[in-house]
Protein backbone atom coordinates (compact mmCIF):
# COMPACT_ATOMS: atom_id res chain seq x y z
CA MET A 1 103.46 137.76 107.63
CA SER A 2 104.13 137.83 103.90
CA GLU A 3 107.85 137.48 104.61
CA ASN A 4 107.12 134.21 106.39
CA LEU A 5 105.06 132.97 103.44
CA ASN A 6 107.83 133.89 101.02
CA SER A 7 110.34 132.02 103.15
CA ASN A 8 108.12 128.93 103.16
CA ASN A 9 107.68 129.14 99.39
CA ILE A 10 111.43 129.30 98.87
CA GLU A 11 111.96 126.28 101.13
CA ASN A 12 109.24 124.36 99.28
CA ASP A 13 110.82 125.23 95.93
CA GLU A 14 114.20 124.01 97.15
CA PHE A 15 112.62 120.81 98.43
CA ASN A 16 110.92 120.25 95.07
CA LEU A 17 114.20 120.81 93.22
CA ASN A 18 115.93 118.30 95.49
CA ASN A 19 113.18 115.78 94.78
CA GLU A 20 113.51 116.40 91.05
CA ASP A 21 117.28 115.90 91.24
CA SER A 22 116.72 112.66 93.10
CA ASP A 23 114.16 111.54 90.51
CA TYR A 24 116.59 112.26 87.67
CA LYS A 25 119.38 110.37 89.43
CA ASP A 26 117.06 107.40 89.96
CA LEU A 27 116.01 107.53 86.32
CA ILE A 28 119.60 107.64 85.11
CA THR A 29 120.46 104.67 87.34
CA LYS A 30 117.54 102.66 85.97
CA LEU A 31 118.45 103.56 82.39
CA ARG A 32 122.02 102.36 82.99
CA GLU A 33 120.66 99.08 84.36
CA ILE A 34 118.45 98.68 81.29
CA LYS A 35 121.42 99.43 79.03
CA SER A 36 123.47 96.74 80.78
CA ASN A 37 120.64 94.22 80.48
CA ILE A 38 120.26 94.94 76.78
CA ALA A 39 124.00 94.50 76.26
CA LEU A 40 123.89 91.13 78.04
CA LEU A 41 120.88 90.03 75.99
CA GLU A 42 122.65 91.01 72.77
CA LYS A 43 125.69 88.96 73.76
CA THR A 44 123.44 85.98 74.53
CA ILE A 45 121.48 86.27 71.27
CA PHE A 46 124.47 86.76 68.99
CA LYS A 47 126.68 83.99 70.38
């Protein structure tokens, strides 16, 4: 029975890591969008 619990814990840990990776990728994408928006705003302001 404990082997089954350990297996479930490992699967849950892997799932959590995959979610964290996805969260980081989403964050990086949003930061790149923000960076692009800032660059466009700077071009507009300093024309």
